[in-house]
N, C-alpha and C. Protein backbone atom coordinates (compact mmCIF):
# COMPACT_ATOMS: atom_id res chain seq x y z
N UNK A 1 -39.19 -32.79 5.09
CA UNK A 1 -39.35 -31.51 4.63
C UNK A 1 -38.82 -30.48 5.66
N UNK A 2 -39.19 -30.75 6.96
CA UNK A 2 -38.76 -29.82 8.03
C UNK A 2 -37.24 -29.86 8.18
N UNK A 3 -36.63 -30.99 7.95
CA UNK A 3 -35.18 -31.09 8.11
C UNK A 3 -34.47 -30.34 7.02
N UNK A 4 -35.00 -30.34 5.80
CA UNK A 4 -34.41 -29.56 4.72
C UNK A 4 -34.53 -28.08 4.99
N UNK A 5 -35.68 -27.65 5.48
CA UNK A 5 -35.89 -26.30 5.84
C UNK A 5 -34.95 -25.82 6.98
N UNK A 6 -34.76 -26.67 7.95
CA UNK A 6 -33.84 -26.39 9.07
C UNK A 6 -32.41 -26.27 8.51
N UNK A 7 -32.04 -27.10 7.65
CA UNK A 7 -30.66 -27.04 7.03
C UNK A 7 -30.51 -25.76 6.25
N UNK A 8 -31.46 -25.39 5.45
CA UNK A 8 -31.39 -24.18 4.67
C UNK A 8 -31.38 -22.92 5.60
N UNK A 9 -32.19 -22.92 6.66
CA UNK A 9 -32.16 -21.81 7.58
C UNK A 9 -30.81 -21.71 8.26
N UNK A 10 -30.21 -22.82 8.59
CA UNK A 10 -28.91 -22.85 9.23
C UNK A 10 -27.83 -22.33 8.29
N UNK A 11 -27.85 -22.78 6.99
CA UNK A 11 -26.92 -22.31 6.07
C UNK A 11 -27.06 -20.83 5.81
N UNK A 12 -28.31 -20.35 5.75
CA UNK A 12 -28.56 -18.92 5.48
C UNK A 12 -28.02 -18.11 6.68
N UNK A 13 -28.25 -18.57 7.89
CA UNK A 13 -27.79 -17.88 9.07
C UNK A 13 -26.22 -17.84 9.02
N UNK A 14 -25.58 -18.88 8.64
CA UNK A 14 -24.14 -18.98 8.65
C UNK A 14 -23.57 -18.00 7.57
N UNK A 15 -24.23 -17.96 6.42
CA UNK A 15 -23.82 -17.03 5.39
C UNK A 15 -23.92 -15.60 5.84
N UNK A 16 -25.06 -15.26 6.41
CA UNK A 16 -25.26 -13.89 6.93
C UNK A 16 -24.24 -13.54 8.03
N UNK A 17 -23.97 -14.52 8.93
CA UNK A 17 -23.02 -14.36 9.97
C UNK A 17 -21.61 -14.13 9.41
N UNK A 18 -21.25 -14.94 8.41
CA UNK A 18 -19.91 -14.85 7.79
C UNK A 18 -19.79 -13.51 7.11
N UNK A 19 -20.80 -13.03 6.44
CA UNK A 19 -20.81 -11.73 5.80
C UNK A 19 -20.65 -10.62 6.77
N UNK A 20 -21.32 -10.75 7.86
CA UNK A 20 -21.20 -9.68 8.90
C UNK A 20 -19.77 -9.67 9.55
N UNK A 21 -19.24 -10.84 9.83
CA UNK A 21 -17.92 -10.92 10.33
C UNK A 21 -16.92 -10.37 9.34
N UNK A 22 -17.00 -10.64 8.03
CA UNK A 22 -16.14 -10.18 7.06
C UNK A 22 -16.28 -8.65 6.95
N UNK A 23 -17.49 -8.18 6.90
CA UNK A 23 -17.75 -6.71 6.69
C UNK A 23 -17.17 -5.93 7.85
N UNK A 24 -17.43 -6.39 9.07
CA UNK A 24 -17.02 -5.58 10.23
C UNK A 24 -15.60 -5.99 10.78
N UNK A 25 -15.27 -7.25 10.58
CA UNK A 25 -13.93 -7.68 11.05
C UNK A 25 -12.81 -7.75 10.09
N UNK A 26 -13.22 -7.76 8.79
CA UNK A 26 -12.18 -7.79 7.67
C UNK A 26 -11.17 -6.67 7.76
N UNK A 27 -11.62 -5.39 7.88
CA UNK A 27 -10.59 -4.39 7.94
C UNK A 27 -9.67 -4.45 9.20
N UNK A 28 -10.22 -4.81 10.35
CA UNK A 28 -9.41 -4.97 11.51
C UNK A 28 -8.39 -6.13 11.33
N UNK A 29 -8.89 -7.22 10.81
CA UNK A 29 -8.02 -8.35 10.54
C UNK A 29 -6.91 -7.99 9.52
N UNK A 30 -7.26 -7.30 8.42
CA UNK A 30 -6.28 -6.91 7.42
C UNK A 30 -5.25 -6.03 8.07
N UNK A 31 -5.64 -5.06 8.85
CA UNK A 31 -4.66 -4.18 9.54
C UNK A 31 -3.75 -4.93 10.44
N UNK A 32 -4.30 -5.90 11.17
CA UNK A 32 -3.54 -6.68 12.12
C UNK A 32 -2.48 -7.51 11.36
N UNK A 33 -2.90 -8.13 10.20
CA UNK A 33 -2.00 -9.02 9.47
C UNK A 33 -1.02 -8.22 8.56
N UNK A 34 -1.54 -7.27 7.84
CA UNK A 34 -0.67 -6.62 6.79
C UNK A 34 -0.35 -5.13 7.08
N UNK A 35 -0.81 -4.64 8.16
CA UNK A 35 -0.58 -3.19 8.49
C UNK A 35 0.82 -2.78 8.56
N UNK A 36 1.63 -3.52 9.34
CA UNK A 36 3.04 -3.17 9.46
C UNK A 36 3.82 -3.31 8.15
N UNK A 37 3.49 -4.38 7.38
CA UNK A 37 4.11 -4.57 6.07
C UNK A 37 3.73 -3.41 5.16
N UNK A 38 2.47 -2.96 5.19
CA UNK A 38 2.08 -1.80 4.36
C UNK A 38 2.83 -0.56 4.77
N UNK A 39 3.02 -0.31 6.00
CA UNK A 39 3.77 0.90 6.48
C UNK A 39 5.23 0.84 6.01
N UNK A 40 5.82 -0.34 6.18
CA UNK A 40 7.21 -0.51 5.78
C UNK A 40 7.40 -0.34 4.27
N UNK A 41 6.53 -0.96 3.50
CA UNK A 41 6.59 -0.85 2.08
C UNK A 41 6.31 0.54 1.53
N UNK A 42 5.44 1.28 2.22
CA UNK A 42 5.14 2.61 1.88
C UNK A 42 6.41 3.48 2.01
N UNK A 43 7.14 3.29 3.13
CA UNK A 43 8.34 3.98 3.37
C UNK A 43 9.44 3.58 2.34
N UNK A 44 9.54 2.34 2.06
CA UNK A 44 10.59 1.84 1.09
C UNK A 44 10.25 2.33 -0.32
N UNK A 45 8.98 2.37 -0.67
CA UNK A 45 8.55 2.82 -1.96
C UNK A 45 8.84 4.33 -2.15
N UNK A 46 8.52 5.04 -1.11
CA UNK A 46 8.78 6.45 -1.12
C UNK A 46 10.27 6.76 -1.30
N UNK A 47 11.06 5.99 -0.59
CA UNK A 47 12.54 6.15 -0.69
C UNK A 47 13.05 5.79 -2.08
N UNK A 48 12.52 4.71 -2.65
CA UNK A 48 12.90 4.30 -3.95
C UNK A 48 12.53 5.29 -5.05
N UNK A 49 11.35 5.88 -4.89
CA UNK A 49 10.88 6.95 -5.79
C UNK A 49 11.81 8.16 -5.74
N UNK A 50 12.21 8.55 -4.52
CA UNK A 50 13.12 9.70 -4.37
C UNK A 50 14.46 9.37 -5.01
N UNK A 51 14.99 8.23 -4.81
CA UNK A 51 16.25 7.82 -5.37
C UNK A 51 16.21 7.85 -6.86
N UNK A 52 15.11 7.30 -7.45
CA UNK A 52 14.94 7.29 -8.90
C UNK A 52 14.81 8.67 -9.42
N UNK A 53 14.05 9.53 -8.77
CA UNK A 53 13.96 10.93 -9.19
C UNK A 53 15.33 11.64 -9.23
N UNK A 54 16.07 11.43 -8.17
CA UNK A 54 17.39 12.10 -8.13
C UNK A 54 18.29 11.51 -9.22
N UNK A 55 18.26 10.25 -9.44
CA UNK A 55 19.13 9.64 -10.51
C UNK A 55 18.70 10.11 -11.88
N UNK A 56 17.38 10.28 -12.10
CA UNK A 56 16.87 10.69 -13.38
C UNK A 56 17.30 12.16 -13.63
N UNK A 57 17.18 12.96 -12.57
CA UNK A 57 17.66 14.40 -12.73
C UNK A 57 19.17 14.48 -13.00
N UNK A 58 19.88 13.53 -12.39
CA UNK A 58 21.37 13.51 -12.56
C UNK A 58 21.71 13.25 -14.03
N UNK A 59 20.95 12.31 -14.61
CA UNK A 59 21.24 11.97 -16.03
C UNK A 59 20.89 13.20 -16.95
N UNK A 60 19.87 13.93 -16.54
CA UNK A 60 19.54 15.17 -17.34
C UNK A 60 20.67 16.19 -17.29
N UNK A 61 21.43 16.21 -16.21
CA UNK A 61 22.52 17.13 -16.05
C UNK A 61 23.87 16.57 -16.66
N UNK A 62 24.09 15.33 -16.39
CA UNK A 62 25.35 14.66 -16.80
C UNK A 62 25.11 13.26 -17.31
N UNK A 63 25.07 13.10 -18.66
CA UNK A 63 24.83 11.83 -19.29
C UNK A 63 26.22 11.07 -19.30
N UNK A 64 26.51 10.35 -18.23
CA UNK A 64 27.68 9.52 -18.15
C UNK A 64 27.34 8.10 -17.91
N UNK A 65 28.25 7.17 -18.16
CA UNK A 65 27.97 5.77 -17.87
C UNK A 65 27.64 5.48 -16.39
N UNK A 66 28.26 6.18 -15.55
CA UNK A 66 27.96 6.00 -14.09
C UNK A 66 26.55 6.46 -13.76
N UNK A 67 26.22 7.61 -14.31
CA UNK A 67 24.86 8.17 -14.07
C UNK A 67 23.77 7.23 -14.64
N UNK A 68 24.02 6.69 -15.84
CA UNK A 68 23.03 5.78 -16.46
C UNK A 68 22.93 4.51 -15.70
N UNK A 69 24.08 3.96 -15.24
CA UNK A 69 24.03 2.70 -14.45
C UNK A 69 23.26 2.95 -13.09
N UNK A 70 23.49 4.15 -12.53
CA UNK A 70 22.83 4.42 -11.26
C UNK A 70 21.28 4.56 -11.55
N UNK A 71 20.87 5.12 -12.66
CA UNK A 71 19.44 5.25 -13.05
C UNK A 71 18.84 3.82 -13.18
N UNK A 72 19.60 2.97 -13.87
CA UNK A 72 19.13 1.59 -14.04
C UNK A 72 18.92 0.87 -12.68
N UNK A 73 19.84 1.08 -11.79
CA UNK A 73 19.72 0.38 -10.51
C UNK A 73 18.59 0.94 -9.68
N UNK A 74 18.32 2.25 -9.83
CA UNK A 74 17.16 2.83 -9.09
C UNK A 74 15.84 2.32 -9.71
N UNK A 75 15.82 2.04 -11.01
CA UNK A 75 14.62 1.47 -11.60
C UNK A 75 14.33 0.11 -11.00
N UNK A 76 15.36 -0.62 -10.77
CA UNK A 76 15.21 -1.94 -10.12
C UNK A 76 14.68 -1.79 -8.70
N UNK A 77 15.10 -0.78 -8.02
CA UNK A 77 14.62 -0.49 -6.69
C UNK A 77 13.15 -0.17 -6.64
N UNK A 78 12.57 0.27 -7.74
CA UNK A 78 11.16 0.61 -7.72
C UNK A 78 10.28 -0.66 -7.69
N UNK A 79 10.85 -1.84 -7.73
CA UNK A 79 10.03 -3.09 -7.61
C UNK A 79 9.36 -3.10 -6.31
N UNK A 80 9.94 -2.50 -5.27
CA UNK A 80 9.26 -2.48 -3.94
C UNK A 80 7.91 -1.75 -4.01
N UNK A 81 7.77 -0.81 -4.96
CA UNK A 81 6.49 -0.17 -5.13
C UNK A 81 5.40 -1.11 -5.63
N UNK A 82 5.87 -2.12 -6.43
CA UNK A 82 4.92 -3.15 -6.88
C UNK A 82 4.39 -3.90 -5.68
N UNK A 83 5.31 -4.29 -4.77
CA UNK A 83 4.92 -4.99 -3.54
C UNK A 83 3.97 -4.15 -2.68
N UNK A 84 4.25 -2.86 -2.58
CA UNK A 84 3.44 -1.91 -1.84
C UNK A 84 2.04 -1.95 -2.46
N UNK A 85 1.94 -1.85 -3.78
CA UNK A 85 0.67 -1.83 -4.44
C UNK A 85 -0.12 -3.12 -4.17
N UNK A 86 0.55 -4.22 -4.21
CA UNK A 86 -0.11 -5.48 -3.95
C UNK A 86 -0.70 -5.57 -2.54
N UNK A 87 0.04 -5.09 -1.52
CA UNK A 87 -0.50 -5.06 -0.21
C UNK A 87 -1.62 -4.10 -0.09
N UNK A 88 -1.52 -2.95 -0.76
CA UNK A 88 -2.63 -1.99 -0.77
C UNK A 88 -3.88 -2.67 -1.31
N UNK A 89 -3.80 -3.35 -2.39
CA UNK A 89 -4.96 -4.04 -3.00
C UNK A 89 -5.51 -5.12 -2.07
N UNK A 90 -4.56 -5.83 -1.32
CA UNK A 90 -5.04 -6.88 -0.40
C UNK A 90 -5.84 -6.23 0.66
N UNK A 91 -5.42 -5.03 1.21
CA UNK A 91 -6.16 -4.37 2.23
C UNK A 91 -7.59 -3.96 1.73
N UNK A 92 -7.63 -3.47 0.49
CA UNK A 92 -8.92 -3.13 -0.10
C UNK A 92 -9.83 -4.36 -0.23
N UNK A 93 -9.25 -5.50 -0.68
CA UNK A 93 -10.04 -6.65 -0.84
C UNK A 93 -10.57 -7.19 0.48
N UNK A 94 -9.87 -6.90 1.55
CA UNK A 94 -10.30 -7.28 2.90
C UNK A 94 -11.33 -6.30 3.50
N UNK A 95 -11.69 -5.34 2.69
CA UNK A 95 -12.76 -4.39 3.12
C UNK A 95 -12.30 -3.04 3.69
N UNK A 96 -11.03 -2.85 3.65
CA UNK A 96 -10.60 -1.54 4.19
C UNK A 96 -10.91 -0.43 3.17
N UNK A 97 -11.50 0.70 3.68
CA UNK A 97 -11.79 1.78 2.86
C UNK A 97 -10.55 2.58 2.48
N UNK A 98 -10.64 3.44 1.51
CA UNK A 98 -9.50 4.29 1.15
C UNK A 98 -9.12 5.18 2.31
N UNK A 99 -10.14 5.61 3.09
CA UNK A 99 -9.82 6.43 4.23
C UNK A 99 -9.02 5.64 5.28
N UNK A 100 -9.37 4.44 5.51
CA UNK A 100 -8.70 3.59 6.48
C UNK A 100 -7.28 3.33 6.03
N UNK A 101 -7.11 3.12 4.74
CA UNK A 101 -5.75 2.87 4.21
C UNK A 101 -4.90 4.15 4.32
N UNK A 102 -5.57 5.25 4.05
CA UNK A 102 -4.87 6.55 4.25
C UNK A 102 -4.46 6.82 5.68
N UNK A 103 -5.33 6.45 6.59
CA UNK A 103 -4.99 6.59 8.03
C UNK A 103 -3.76 5.70 8.36
N UNK A 104 -3.69 4.55 7.76
CA UNK A 104 -2.55 3.64 7.99
C UNK A 104 -1.28 4.33 7.46
N UNK A 105 -1.39 4.96 6.33
CA UNK A 105 -0.25 5.67 5.74
C UNK A 105 0.17 6.87 6.66
N UNK A 106 -0.81 7.59 7.21
CA UNK A 106 -0.46 8.62 8.13
C UNK A 106 0.23 8.12 9.39
N UNK A 107 -0.18 6.91 9.89
CA UNK A 107 0.45 6.28 11.02
C UNK A 107 1.92 6.04 10.64
N UNK A 108 2.16 5.57 9.48
CA UNK A 108 3.60 5.32 9.01
C UNK A 108 4.38 6.56 8.98
N UNK A 109 3.79 7.65 8.54
CA UNK A 109 4.45 8.98 8.52
C UNK A 109 4.84 9.36 9.95
N UNK A 110 3.86 9.28 10.83
CA UNK A 110 4.09 9.64 12.22
C UNK A 110 5.17 8.81 12.89
N UNK A 111 5.09 7.48 12.66
CA UNK A 111 5.99 6.60 13.29
C UNK A 111 7.46 6.77 12.79
N UNK A 112 7.65 7.15 11.54
CA UNK A 112 8.98 7.30 10.97
C UNK A 112 9.49 8.67 11.00
N UNK A 113 8.69 9.63 11.56
CA UNK A 113 9.04 11.01 11.63
C UNK A 113 9.46 11.57 10.28
N UNK A 114 8.60 11.29 9.23
CA UNK A 114 8.82 11.87 7.95
C UNK A 114 8.81 13.37 8.01
N UNK A 115 9.63 13.97 7.15
CA UNK A 115 9.55 15.37 6.93
C UNK A 115 8.39 15.53 5.89
N UNK A 116 7.26 15.89 6.30
CA UNK A 116 6.07 15.89 5.46
C UNK A 116 6.27 16.81 4.26
N UNK A 117 6.96 17.92 4.39
CA UNK A 117 7.11 18.84 3.30
C UNK A 117 7.96 18.19 2.18
N UNK A 118 8.94 17.40 2.57
CA UNK A 118 9.74 16.66 1.56
C UNK A 118 8.91 15.57 0.89
N UNK A 119 8.12 14.92 1.64
CA UNK A 119 7.21 13.84 1.11
C UNK A 119 6.30 14.48 0.07
N UNK A 120 5.67 15.59 0.33
CA UNK A 120 4.76 16.29 -0.58
C UNK A 120 5.49 16.74 -1.80
N UNK A 121 6.66 17.38 -1.55
CA UNK A 121 7.43 17.96 -2.64
C UNK A 121 7.83 16.88 -3.66
N UNK A 122 8.23 15.71 -3.17
CA UNK A 122 8.63 14.62 -4.04
C UNK A 122 7.50 14.13 -4.89
N UNK A 123 6.31 14.10 -4.38
CA UNK A 123 5.20 13.47 -5.03
C UNK A 123 4.31 14.44 -5.78
N UNK A 124 4.56 15.72 -5.71
CA UNK A 124 3.65 16.60 -6.42
C UNK A 124 4.14 16.72 -7.88
N UNK A 125 3.14 16.96 -8.76
CA UNK A 125 3.43 17.08 -10.20
C UNK A 125 4.02 18.44 -10.47
N UNK A 126 4.96 18.43 -11.43
CA UNK A 126 5.57 19.71 -11.80
C UNK A 126 5.25 19.90 -13.23
N UNK A 127 4.89 21.13 -13.55
CA UNK A 127 4.53 21.48 -14.94
C UNK A 127 5.65 22.40 -15.44
N UNK A 128 6.13 22.11 -16.63
CA UNK A 128 7.23 22.96 -17.21
C UNK A 128 6.58 23.85 -18.25
């Protein structure tokens, strides 16, 4: 009976320890493993969205075969945004808060010397 109780106590202690390690170490581990990939994909997704927006506006002005082909190719370029979203979700699953992920995004902006006004302008909603 004492040996079963000792085993259960040991298992409980291990589960609590694993939970604490995941809770406190998960975000740091996630940033270490996927942080740079997240930053890179964020930049690439932003660039792909800008290119798609420009191509879409071009088709509105001039509906030509070249403009339509360019629009199609920029749609394909948006696949990188799917990869960005997957890494974002992976970070969340590892315990990173939205604030921590936002901080990681700000690090990417600082590292790449984004023109923040262009970044905001591209992503803000426009009402007609």
